[in-house]
Protein backbone atom coordinates (compact mmCIF):
# COMPACT_ATOMS: atom_id res chain seq x y z
CA UNK A 1 23.05 9.58 -3.46
CA UNK A 2 25.66 11.46 -5.35
CA UNK A 3 25.78 15.21 -4.81
CA UNK A 4 26.61 15.85 -8.48
CA UNK A 5 25.97 12.70 -10.49
CA UNK A 6 27.62 12.16 -13.81
CA UNK A 7 25.53 13.58 -16.66
CA UNK A 8 24.65 10.12 -17.98
CA UNK A 9 23.16 9.20 -14.58
CA UNK A 10 21.39 12.49 -13.88
CA UNK A 11 18.10 11.49 -15.55
CA UNK A 12 18.15 8.16 -13.74
CA UNK A 13 18.49 9.81 -10.32
CA UNK A 14 15.87 12.45 -11.16
CA UNK A 15 13.42 9.69 -12.07
CA UNK A 16 14.20 7.93 -8.78
CA UNK A 17 13.45 11.11 -6.85
CA UNK A 18 10.16 11.60 -8.70
CA UNK A 19 9.20 8.00 -7.99
CA UNK A 20 10.03 8.41 -4.30
CA UNK A 21 7.95 11.60 -4.07
CA UNK A 22 4.98 9.88 -5.69
CA UNK A 23 5.28 6.95 -3.30
CA UNK A 24 5.55 9.22 -0.25
CA UNK A 25 2.63 11.42 -1.31
CA UNK A 26 0.23 8.84 -2.77
CA UNK A 27 1.01 5.34 -1.48
CA UNK A 28 2.50 5.70 2.00
CA UNK A 29 -0.50 7.60 3.46
CA UNK A 30 -2.65 4.53 2.79
CA UNK A 31 -0.51 2.37 5.07
CA UNK A 32 -2.21 3.36 8.32
CA UNK A 33 -5.65 2.63 6.84
CA UNK A 34 -4.52 -0.76 5.60
CA UNK A 35 -2.96 -1.53 8.98
CA UNK A 36 -6.24 -0.69 10.74
CA UNK A 37 -8.13 -3.05 8.43
CA UNK A 38 -5.65 -5.85 9.02
CA UNK A 39 -5.71 -5.45 12.79
CA UNK A 40 -9.43 -4.82 13.26
CA UNK A 41 -11.08 -6.12 10.12
CA UNK A 42 -11.48 -9.79 10.96
CA UNK A 43 -13.82 -9.46 13.92
CA UNK A 44 -17.00 -8.67 12.00
CA UNK A 45 -16.34 -11.35 9.40
CA UNK A 46 -15.47 -13.95 12.00
CA UNK A 47 -18.76 -13.24 13.79
CA UNK A 48 -20.52 -15.19 11.03
CA UNK A 49 -21.14 -18.87 11.52
CA UNK A 50 -19.73 -21.18 8.85
CA UNK A 51 -23.22 -21.95 7.55
CA UNK A 52 -23.97 -18.23 7.08
CA UNK A 53 -21.27 -17.96 4.43
CA UNK A 54 -23.32 -20.28 2.22
CA UNK A 55 -26.82 -18.83 2.68
CA UNK A 56 -28.61 -18.39 -0.62
CA UNK A 57 -26.33 -20.78 -2.48
CA UNK A 58 -27.58 -24.03 -3.94
């Protein structure tokens, strides 16, 4: 990124920095939880037999 951006680009780069901070603080921390669900989440669901998915349905 430019050390001293041109005045007409300053607001653009400031918005980019704010967006990056939001992403780092609010979105990125969720990644490890999502990864755990992806890696470990299928076992309990796959323990069901095919017929058990349809119990109670007509």
